[in-house]
Amino acid sequence: MSALSLVIRPEHPDDGPAIERLHARAFGPGRFARTAYRLREGAGPLPALSFTALVGTYLVGSVRIGPARAGAEPLLVLGPLTVDPSFDGRGIGAGLMRTSLEAARAGGHALVILVGDAPYYGRFGFTPVPPGHLVLPGPVDPARFLWLELSEGARARARGNVSAPLAR
């Protein structure tokens, strides 16, 4: 990646249109029907935990983390993590992941969930959620429903239906 002048920075409010175009290129129109998307539609991303990657002035990657709950336990929903397909394999996604997870830990958050590729996210410490422990608002492949404990004991406290807080 030495040829790239990559900058990872907090997501700016003006980044929204470029991020939406990036999501459309990476995931297509089917993204709106996915359970993970439906979970996130109730609340926007948390600014302190959402980051973008730029090469020059071109937005090439984004990671967003939003709030959710499992019963009374607050947790975070990571996603989407998106990298422009023409920049795949250059460590941009990993850089965004490390930055967002470090910010979540620093912010005192306890648990992060996501729906994604276990081999990819496993390198950041994510493991499958045990069947029946947490329930998402729609179907999901259990092998792709993952979590990462940022604070000891958070997995034991988080049980039941996962929901996003309603936007105000």
N, C-alpha and C. Protein backbone atom coordinates (compact mmCIF):
# COMPACT_ATOMS: atom_id res chain seq x y z
N MET A 1 0.81 -1.18 0.00
CA MET A 1 0.00 0.00 0.00
C MET A 1 0.86 1.25 0.00
N SER A 2 2.14 1.12 -0.11
CA SER A 2 3.01 2.28 -0.08
C SER A 2 2.75 3.24 -1.24
N ALA A 3 2.20 2.75 -2.35
CA ALA A 3 1.91 3.62 -3.49
C ALA A 3 0.67 4.47 -3.24
N LEU A 4 -0.17 4.08 -2.28
CA LEU A 4 -1.37 4.84 -1.96
C LEU A 4 -1.09 5.84 -0.86
N SER A 5 -1.66 7.02 -0.99
CA SER A 5 -1.60 7.98 0.12
C SER A 5 -2.94 7.89 0.85
N LEU A 6 -3.09 6.82 1.61
CA LEU A 6 -4.34 6.51 2.29
C LEU A 6 -4.45 7.31 3.58
N VAL A 7 -5.63 7.90 3.79
CA VAL A 7 -5.94 8.61 5.02
C VAL A 7 -7.23 8.02 5.57
N ILE A 8 -7.20 7.58 6.83
CA ILE A 8 -8.41 7.14 7.51
C ILE A 8 -8.77 8.25 8.49
N ARG A 9 -10.01 8.70 8.38
CA ARG A 9 -10.46 9.80 9.22
C ARG A 9 -11.91 9.57 9.64
N PRO A 10 -12.38 10.28 10.69
CA PRO A 10 -13.78 10.14 11.08
C PRO A 10 -14.69 10.53 9.92
N GLU A 11 -15.81 9.82 9.83
CA GLU A 11 -16.79 10.15 8.80
C GLU A 11 -17.29 11.57 9.03
N HIS A 12 -17.39 12.32 7.96
CA HIS A 12 -17.87 13.70 8.00
C HIS A 12 -19.32 13.71 7.51
N PRO A 13 -20.18 14.58 8.02
CA PRO A 13 -21.57 14.62 7.56
C PRO A 13 -21.69 14.75 6.03
N ASP A 14 -20.77 15.44 5.39
CA ASP A 14 -20.82 15.60 3.94
C ASP A 14 -20.43 14.34 3.17
N ASP A 15 -19.95 13.29 3.87
CA ASP A 15 -19.54 12.05 3.20
C ASP A 15 -20.72 11.18 2.80
N GLY A 16 -21.91 11.46 3.32
CA GLY A 16 -23.07 10.60 3.10
C GLY A 16 -23.32 10.20 1.65
N PRO A 17 -23.41 11.15 0.71
CA PRO A 17 -23.66 10.75 -0.69
C PRO A 17 -22.56 9.84 -1.27
N ALA A 18 -21.31 10.14 -0.98
CA ALA A 18 -20.22 9.30 -1.50
C ALA A 18 -20.27 7.91 -0.88
N ILE A 19 -20.63 7.81 0.39
CA ILE A 19 -20.74 6.50 1.05
C ILE A 19 -21.90 5.71 0.44
N GLU A 20 -23.01 6.36 0.18
CA GLU A 20 -24.14 5.67 -0.43
C GLU A 20 -23.78 5.15 -1.83
N ARG A 21 -23.04 5.93 -2.61
CA ARG A 21 -22.60 5.46 -3.93
C ARG A 21 -21.66 4.26 -3.78
N LEU A 22 -20.78 4.31 -2.78
CA LEU A 22 -19.87 3.21 -2.52
C LEU A 22 -20.65 1.95 -2.16
N HIS A 23 -21.66 2.07 -1.30
CA HIS A 23 -22.50 0.92 -0.92
C HIS A 23 -23.22 0.35 -2.15
N ALA A 24 -23.71 1.23 -3.00
CA ALA A 24 -24.41 0.77 -4.20
C ALA A 24 -23.47 -0.02 -5.12
N ARG A 25 -22.22 0.48 -5.28
CA ARG A 25 -21.25 -0.24 -6.13
C ARG A 25 -20.86 -1.57 -5.52
N ALA A 26 -20.66 -1.60 -4.22
CA ALA A 26 -20.15 -2.81 -3.56
C ALA A 26 -21.24 -3.86 -3.31
N PHE A 27 -22.47 -3.43 -2.97
CA PHE A 27 -23.49 -4.37 -2.53
C PHE A 27 -24.71 -4.46 -3.44
N GLY A 28 -24.91 -3.48 -4.31
CA GLY A 28 -26.05 -3.50 -5.22
C GLY A 28 -27.37 -3.24 -4.52
N PRO A 29 -28.45 -3.30 -5.28
CA PRO A 29 -29.76 -2.97 -4.73
C PRO A 29 -30.28 -3.98 -3.72
N GLY A 30 -29.79 -5.21 -3.74
CA GLY A 30 -30.24 -6.23 -2.80
C GLY A 30 -29.90 -5.94 -1.35
N ARG A 31 -29.03 -4.96 -1.12
CA ARG A 31 -28.60 -4.65 0.26
C ARG A 31 -29.77 -4.23 1.14
N PHE A 32 -30.81 -3.64 0.57
CA PHE A 32 -31.93 -3.13 1.36
C PHE A 32 -32.78 -4.25 1.97
N ALA A 33 -32.70 -5.44 1.41
CA ALA A 33 -33.52 -6.55 1.89
C ALA A 33 -32.82 -7.38 2.96
N ARG A 34 -31.56 -7.13 3.20
CA ARG A 34 -30.80 -7.95 4.15
C ARG A 34 -31.18 -7.62 5.59
N THR A 35 -31.13 -8.65 6.44
CA THR A 35 -31.45 -8.48 7.86
C THR A 35 -30.56 -7.42 8.51
N ALA A 36 -29.26 -7.43 8.19
CA ALA A 36 -28.34 -6.45 8.80
C ALA A 36 -28.75 -5.03 8.44
N TYR A 37 -29.19 -4.82 7.22
CA TYR A 37 -29.63 -3.48 6.81
C TYR A 37 -30.87 -3.09 7.59
N ARG A 38 -31.81 -4.02 7.72
CA ARG A 38 -33.06 -3.73 8.44
C ARG A 38 -32.77 -3.39 9.89
N LEU A 39 -31.79 -4.03 10.49
CA LEU A 39 -31.45 -3.73 11.88
C LEU A 39 -30.90 -2.31 12.01
N ARG A 40 -30.13 -1.87 11.03
CA ARG A 40 -29.50 -0.54 11.10
C ARG A 40 -30.42 0.60 10.70
N GLU A 41 -31.54 0.29 10.00
CA GLU A 41 -32.35 1.38 9.48
C GLU A 41 -33.07 2.18 10.57
N GLY A 42 -33.16 1.68 11.78
CA GLY A 42 -33.82 2.40 12.85
C GLY A 42 -32.97 3.50 13.48
N ALA A 43 -31.68 3.44 13.26
CA ALA A 43 -30.78 4.43 13.88
C ALA A 43 -29.59 4.66 12.96
N GLY A 44 -29.10 5.86 12.97
CA GLY A 44 -27.94 6.20 12.15
C GLY A 44 -26.65 5.73 12.79
N PRO A 45 -25.57 5.83 12.05
CA PRO A 45 -24.26 5.45 12.60
C PRO A 45 -23.82 6.42 13.69
N LEU A 46 -23.01 5.93 14.59
CA LEU A 46 -22.45 6.77 15.66
C LEU A 46 -21.23 7.49 15.10
N PRO A 47 -21.24 8.82 15.08
CA PRO A 47 -20.13 9.57 14.48
C PRO A 47 -18.75 9.25 15.07
N ALA A 48 -18.68 9.00 16.36
CA ALA A 48 -17.39 8.74 17.00
C ALA A 48 -16.80 7.39 16.62
N LEU A 49 -17.62 6.52 16.01
CA LEU A 49 -17.17 5.16 15.69
C LEU A 49 -17.19 4.85 14.20
N SER A 50 -17.52 5.83 13.37
CA SER A 50 -17.66 5.62 11.94
C SER A 50 -16.55 6.38 11.21
N PHE A 51 -15.89 5.68 10.28
CA PHE A 51 -14.69 6.22 9.64
C PHE A 51 -14.73 6.02 8.13
N THR A 52 -13.98 6.85 7.43
CA THR A 52 -13.83 6.74 5.99
C THR A 52 -12.35 6.62 5.64
N ALA A 53 -12.10 6.05 4.48
CA ALA A 53 -10.73 5.95 3.95
C ALA A 53 -10.71 6.72 2.64
N LEU A 54 -9.70 7.56 2.50
CA LEU A 54 -9.57 8.36 1.29
C LEU A 54 -8.20 8.16 0.68
N VAL A 55 -8.18 8.13 -0.65
CA VAL A 55 -6.95 8.21 -1.41
C VAL A 55 -7.06 9.54 -2.15
N GLY A 56 -6.24 10.49 -1.74
CA GLY A 56 -6.42 11.85 -2.22
C GLY A 56 -7.76 12.36 -1.74
N THR A 57 -8.60 12.79 -2.66
CA THR A 57 -9.94 13.24 -2.28
C THR A 57 -11.01 12.20 -2.59
N TYR A 58 -10.58 11.02 -3.06
CA TYR A 58 -11.52 9.96 -3.44
C TYR A 58 -11.82 9.06 -2.26
N LEU A 59 -13.10 8.96 -1.89
CA LEU A 59 -13.52 8.10 -0.79
C LEU A 59 -13.50 6.65 -1.29
N VAL A 60 -12.62 5.82 -0.72
CA VAL A 60 -12.45 4.44 -1.18
C VAL A 60 -12.94 3.41 -0.17
N GLY A 61 -13.30 3.85 1.03
CA GLY A 61 -13.77 2.91 2.04
C GLY A 61 -14.53 3.60 3.14
N SER A 62 -15.35 2.80 3.81
CA SER A 62 -16.17 3.31 4.90
C SER A 62 -16.48 2.18 5.86
N VAL A 63 -16.54 2.52 7.13
CA VAL A 63 -17.07 1.60 8.14
C VAL A 63 -17.98 2.41 9.03
N ARG A 64 -19.12 1.82 9.32
CA ARG A 64 -20.08 2.47 10.19
C ARG A 64 -20.43 1.53 11.33
N ILE A 65 -20.62 2.12 12.50
CA ILE A 65 -21.07 1.38 13.67
C ILE A 65 -22.25 2.14 14.24
N GLY A 66 -23.32 1.40 14.52
CA GLY A 66 -24.52 2.01 15.08
C GLY A 66 -24.91 1.35 16.39
N PRO A 67 -25.83 1.98 17.09
CA PRO A 67 -26.28 1.45 18.38
C PRO A 67 -27.37 0.40 18.21
N ALA A 68 -27.45 -0.51 19.16
CA ALA A 68 -28.52 -1.50 19.23
C ALA A 68 -28.64 -1.95 20.68
N ARG A 69 -29.60 -2.82 20.90
CA ARG A 69 -29.81 -3.38 22.24
C ARG A 69 -30.15 -4.86 22.08
N ALA A 70 -29.80 -5.61 23.09
CA ALA A 70 -30.27 -6.99 23.23
C ALA A 70 -30.93 -7.03 24.60
N GLY A 71 -32.23 -6.98 24.62
CA GLY A 71 -32.92 -6.81 25.89
C GLY A 71 -32.57 -5.43 26.42
N ALA A 72 -32.07 -5.37 27.64
CA ALA A 72 -31.68 -4.10 28.25
C ALA A 72 -30.21 -3.77 28.00
N GLU A 73 -29.48 -4.69 27.40
CA GLU A 73 -28.03 -4.51 27.23
C GLU A 73 -27.70 -3.73 25.96
N PRO A 74 -27.02 -2.59 26.08
CA PRO A 74 -26.61 -1.88 24.87
C PRO A 74 -25.48 -2.64 24.17
N LEU A 75 -25.48 -2.56 22.86
CA LEU A 75 -24.39 -3.14 22.08
C LEU A 75 -24.25 -2.34 20.81
N LEU A 76 -23.25 -2.69 20.03
CA LEU A 76 -22.98 -2.00 18.76
C LEU A 76 -23.19 -2.96 17.60
N VAL A 77 -23.63 -2.40 16.47
CA VAL A 77 -23.76 -3.17 15.23
C VAL A 77 -22.76 -2.59 14.24
N LEU A 78 -21.81 -3.39 13.84
CA LEU A 78 -20.81 -2.95 12.88
C LEU A 78 -21.31 -3.23 11.47
N GLY A 79 -21.25 -2.22 10.65
CA GLY A 79 -21.57 -2.42 9.26
C GLY A 79 -22.38 -1.28 8.68
N PRO A 80 -22.27 -1.17 7.44
CA PRO A 80 -21.41 -1.99 6.62
C PRO A 80 -19.95 -1.51 6.62
N LEU A 81 -19.08 -2.46 6.42
CA LEU A 81 -17.67 -2.18 6.10
C LEU A 81 -17.60 -2.30 4.59
N THR A 82 -17.20 -1.24 3.93
CA THR A 82 -17.21 -1.22 2.48
C THR A 82 -15.90 -0.67 1.94
N VAL A 83 -15.35 -1.33 0.94
CA VAL A 83 -14.17 -0.84 0.23
C VAL A 83 -14.51 -0.85 -1.26
N ASP A 84 -14.16 0.22 -1.93
CA ASP A 84 -14.38 0.29 -3.38
C ASP A 84 -13.75 -0.95 -4.00
N PRO A 85 -14.51 -1.69 -4.82
CA PRO A 85 -13.98 -2.92 -5.40
C PRO A 85 -12.65 -2.76 -6.13
N SER A 86 -12.38 -1.60 -6.70
CA SER A 86 -11.10 -1.40 -7.39
C SER A 86 -9.94 -1.23 -6.43
N PHE A 87 -10.21 -1.14 -5.12
CA PHE A 87 -9.16 -1.01 -4.12
C PHE A 87 -9.10 -2.22 -3.19
N ASP A 88 -9.79 -3.32 -3.54
CA ASP A 88 -9.76 -4.53 -2.72
C ASP A 88 -8.33 -5.06 -2.56
N GLY A 89 -8.09 -5.72 -1.44
CA GLY A 89 -6.82 -6.39 -1.22
C GLY A 89 -5.66 -5.49 -0.86
N ARG A 90 -5.93 -4.28 -0.47
CA ARG A 90 -4.85 -3.34 -0.14
C ARG A 90 -4.80 -2.98 1.35
N GLY A 91 -5.57 -3.70 2.17
CA GLY A 91 -5.55 -3.47 3.61
C GLY A 91 -6.42 -2.33 4.08
N ILE A 92 -7.22 -1.77 3.19
CA ILE A 92 -8.06 -0.64 3.57
C ILE A 92 -9.15 -1.08 4.55
N GLY A 93 -9.81 -2.19 4.27
CA GLY A 93 -10.84 -2.70 5.17
C GLY A 93 -10.28 -3.01 6.55
N ALA A 94 -9.11 -3.64 6.59
CA ALA A 94 -8.49 -3.95 7.88
C ALA A 94 -8.14 -2.68 8.65
N GLY A 95 -7.66 -1.67 7.96
CA GLY A 95 -7.35 -0.41 8.62
C GLY A 95 -8.59 0.25 9.19
N LEU A 96 -9.67 0.22 8.43
CA LEU A 96 -10.94 0.77 8.92
C LEU A 96 -11.44 -0.02 10.13
N MET A 97 -11.36 -1.35 10.06
CA MET A 97 -11.79 -2.19 11.19
C MET A 97 -11.01 -1.88 12.45
N ARG A 98 -9.69 -1.86 12.34
CA ARG A 98 -8.87 -1.59 13.53
C ARG A 98 -9.21 -0.22 14.13
N THR A 99 -9.37 0.77 13.28
CA THR A 99 -9.66 2.13 13.75
C THR A 99 -11.00 2.17 14.47
N SER A 100 -12.03 1.57 13.89
CA SER A 100 -13.35 1.62 14.51
C SER A 100 -13.41 0.82 15.80
N LEU A 101 -12.77 -0.34 15.83
CA LEU A 101 -12.79 -1.15 17.05
C LEU A 101 -11.98 -0.48 18.17
N GLU A 102 -10.87 0.15 17.82
CA GLU A 102 -10.11 0.90 18.84
C GLU A 102 -10.95 2.04 19.40
N ALA A 103 -11.69 2.73 18.56
CA ALA A 103 -12.55 3.82 19.02
C ALA A 103 -13.67 3.28 19.92
N ALA A 104 -14.23 2.12 19.58
CA ALA A 104 -15.28 1.53 20.41
C ALA A 104 -14.73 1.15 21.78
N ARG A 105 -13.55 0.54 21.80
CA ARG A 105 -12.94 0.19 23.10
C ARG A 105 -12.68 1.46 23.92
N ALA A 106 -12.09 2.45 23.28
CA ALA A 106 -11.77 3.71 23.97
C ALA A 106 -13.03 4.40 24.48
N GLY A 107 -14.15 4.19 23.78
CA GLY A 107 -15.41 4.81 24.19
C GLY A 107 -16.15 4.03 25.26
N GLY A 108 -15.58 2.93 25.73
CA GLY A 108 -16.18 2.16 26.81
C GLY A 108 -17.30 1.23 26.38
N HIS A 109 -17.40 0.94 25.10
CA HIS A 109 -18.44 0.03 24.62
C HIS A 109 -18.04 -1.41 24.94
N ALA A 110 -19.05 -2.28 25.11
CA ALA A 110 -18.79 -3.61 25.62
C ALA A 110 -18.87 -4.73 24.58
N LEU A 111 -19.74 -4.58 23.57
CA LEU A 111 -19.99 -5.70 22.66
C LEU A 111 -20.33 -5.18 21.28
N VAL A 112 -19.77 -5.83 20.25
CA VAL A 112 -20.04 -5.49 18.86
C VAL A 112 -20.55 -6.74 18.15
N ILE A 113 -21.63 -6.59 17.39
CA ILE A 113 -22.13 -7.70 16.57
C ILE A 113 -22.07 -7.29 15.10
N LEU A 114 -22.10 -8.28 14.23
CA LEU A 114 -22.16 -8.02 12.79
C LEU A 114 -22.63 -9.28 12.09
N VAL A 115 -23.04 -9.10 10.84
CA VAL A 115 -23.33 -10.21 9.96
C VAL A 115 -22.29 -10.13 8.84
N GLY A 116 -21.43 -11.15 8.77
CA GLY A 116 -20.36 -11.08 7.78
C GLY A 116 -19.59 -12.38 7.67
N ASP A 117 -18.54 -12.33 6.89
CA ASP A 117 -17.71 -13.47 6.57
C ASP A 117 -16.80 -13.82 7.76
N ALA A 118 -17.06 -14.96 8.39
CA ALA A 118 -16.31 -15.35 9.58
C ALA A 118 -14.80 -15.41 9.37
N PRO A 119 -14.28 -15.96 8.26
CA PRO A 119 -12.83 -15.97 8.09
C PRO A 119 -12.23 -14.56 8.05
N TYR A 120 -12.92 -13.62 7.44
CA TYR A 120 -12.40 -12.25 7.38
C TYR A 120 -12.44 -11.60 8.77
N TYR A 121 -13.60 -11.62 9.41
CA TYR A 121 -13.76 -10.92 10.68
C TYR A 121 -13.12 -11.67 11.85
N GLY A 122 -12.89 -12.95 11.69
CA GLY A 122 -12.24 -13.73 12.75
C GLY A 122 -10.86 -13.19 13.09
N ARG A 123 -10.15 -12.64 12.14
CA ARG A 123 -8.81 -12.12 12.42
C ARG A 123 -8.84 -10.90 13.33
N PHE A 124 -10.03 -10.31 13.51
CA PHE A 124 -10.17 -9.18 14.44
C PHE A 124 -10.73 -9.63 15.78
N GLY A 125 -10.94 -10.94 15.93
CA GLY A 125 -11.44 -11.50 17.19
C GLY A 125 -12.91 -11.85 17.21
N PHE A 126 -13.63 -11.65 16.11
CA PHE A 126 -15.05 -11.99 16.05
C PHE A 126 -15.22 -13.50 16.00
N THR A 127 -16.25 -14.00 16.71
CA THR A 127 -16.60 -15.41 16.72
C THR A 127 -18.12 -15.54 16.53
N PRO A 128 -18.58 -16.72 16.11
CA PRO A 128 -20.03 -16.89 15.92
C PRO A 128 -20.80 -16.73 17.23
N VAL A 129 -21.96 -16.10 17.13
CA VAL A 129 -22.89 -15.99 18.26
C VAL A 129 -23.51 -17.37 18.44
N PRO A 130 -23.51 -17.92 19.66
CA PRO A 130 -24.13 -19.23 19.86
C PRO A 130 -25.62 -19.19 19.47
N PRO A 131 -26.09 -20.24 18.81
CA PRO A 131 -27.50 -20.27 18.40
C PRO A 131 -28.44 -19.99 19.57
N GLY A 132 -29.43 -19.13 19.31
CA GLY A 132 -30.44 -18.81 20.31
C GLY A 132 -30.04 -17.77 21.32
N HIS A 133 -28.78 -17.38 21.36
CA HIS A 133 -28.32 -16.41 22.36
C HIS A 133 -28.85 -15.01 22.05
N LEU A 134 -28.70 -14.59 20.80
CA LEU A 134 -29.24 -13.32 20.32
C LEU A 134 -30.08 -13.62 19.09
N VAL A 135 -31.14 -12.84 18.91
CA VAL A 135 -32.04 -13.06 17.78
C VAL A 135 -32.15 -11.77 16.98
N LEU A 136 -31.81 -11.86 15.70
CA LEU A 136 -31.90 -10.70 14.81
C LEU A 136 -33.31 -10.58 14.24
N PRO A 137 -33.68 -9.39 13.75
CA PRO A 137 -35.04 -9.17 13.23
C PRO A 137 -35.24 -9.69 11.81
N GLY A 138 -34.78 -10.87 11.54
CA GLY A 138 -34.93 -11.47 10.23
C GLY A 138 -33.96 -12.62 10.09
N PRO A 139 -34.06 -13.35 8.97
CA PRO A 139 -33.20 -14.52 8.80
C PRO A 139 -31.74 -14.15 8.57
N VAL A 140 -30.86 -14.98 9.08
CA VAL A 140 -29.43 -14.80 8.87
C VAL A 140 -28.76 -16.16 8.99
N ASP A 141 -27.74 -16.37 8.19
CA ASP A 141 -26.96 -17.60 8.27
C ASP A 141 -26.23 -17.58 9.62
N PRO A 142 -26.47 -18.55 10.50
CA PRO A 142 -25.84 -18.53 11.82
C PRO A 142 -24.31 -18.47 11.78
N ALA A 143 -23.70 -19.01 10.74
CA ALA A 143 -22.24 -18.97 10.62
C ALA A 143 -21.73 -17.56 10.34
N ARG A 144 -22.62 -16.65 9.91
CA ARG A 144 -22.24 -15.28 9.59
C ARG A 144 -22.64 -14.28 10.68
N PHE A 145 -23.33 -14.74 11.71
CA PHE A 145 -23.74 -13.86 12.81
C PHE A 145 -22.64 -13.93 13.86
N LEU A 146 -21.87 -12.83 13.96
CA LEU A 146 -20.64 -12.81 14.75
C LEU A 146 -20.69 -11.73 15.83
N TRP A 147 -19.84 -11.93 16.86
CA TRP A 147 -19.71 -10.92 17.90
C TRP A 147 -18.28 -10.83 18.39
N LEU A 148 -18.01 -9.69 19.02
CA LEU A 148 -16.70 -9.42 19.62
C LEU A 148 -16.94 -8.74 20.96
N GLU A 149 -16.44 -9.38 22.00
CA GLU A 149 -16.56 -8.82 23.35
C GLU A 149 -15.42 -7.83 23.57
N LEU A 150 -15.77 -6.57 23.87
CA LEU A 150 -14.78 -5.54 24.16
C LEU A 150 -14.57 -5.37 25.65
N SER A 151 -15.53 -5.83 26.43
CA SER A 151 -15.47 -5.74 27.88
C SER A 151 -15.91 -7.08 28.46
N GLU A 152 -15.10 -7.62 29.35
CA GLU A 152 -15.36 -8.95 29.90
C GLU A 152 -16.76 -9.04 30.50
N GLY A 153 -17.46 -10.11 30.15
CA GLY A 153 -18.80 -10.37 30.66
C GLY A 153 -19.92 -9.85 29.78
N ALA A 154 -19.60 -9.09 28.75
CA ALA A 154 -20.64 -8.49 27.90
C ALA A 154 -21.45 -9.56 27.17
N ARG A 155 -20.81 -10.61 26.72
CA ARG A 155 -21.54 -11.66 26.00
C ARG A 155 -22.57 -12.33 26.90
N ALA A 156 -22.23 -12.52 28.15
CA ALA A 156 -23.16 -13.18 29.09
C ALA A 156 -24.37 -12.30 29.39
N ARG A 157 -24.19 -10.99 29.36
CA ARG A 157 -25.29 -10.07 29.67
C ARG A 157 -26.23 -9.86 28.48
N ALA A 158 -25.73 -10.00 27.27
CA ALA A 158 -26.52 -9.72 26.07
C ALA A 158 -27.29 -10.96 25.65
N ARG A 159 -28.61 -10.91 25.80
CA ARG A 159 -29.46 -12.04 25.43
C ARG A 159 -30.77 -11.52 24.86
N GLY A 160 -31.34 -12.30 23.96
CA GLY A 160 -32.68 -11.98 23.47
C GLY A 160 -32.68 -11.31 22.11
N ASN A 161 -33.77 -10.60 21.85
CA ASN A 161 -33.97 -9.95 20.57
C ASN A 161 -33.09 -8.72 20.44
N VAL A 162 -32.43 -8.59 19.28
CA VAL A 162 -31.60 -7.43 19.00
C VAL A 162 -32.45 -6.43 18.24
N SER A 163 -32.40 -5.18 18.70
CA SER A 163 -33.15 -4.12 18.03
C SER A 163 -32.34 -2.83 18.07
N ALA A 164 -32.57 -1.99 17.07
CA ALA A 164 -31.92 -0.68 17.03
C ALA A 164 -32.84 0.31 17.72
N PRO A 165 -32.25 1.28 18.42
CA PRO A 165 -33.12 2.32 19.00
C PRO A 165 -33.73 3.15 17.87
N LEU A 166 -34.92 3.63 18.09
CA LEU A 166 -35.59 4.42 17.07
C LEU A 166 -34.93 5.77 16.96
N ALA A 167 -34.77 6.26 15.72
CA ALA A 167 -34.20 7.59 15.48
C ALA A 167 -35.15 8.64 16.05
N ARG A 168 -34.56 9.69 16.59
CA ARG A 168 -35.39 10.76 17.16
C ARG A 168 -35.34 11.99 16.33
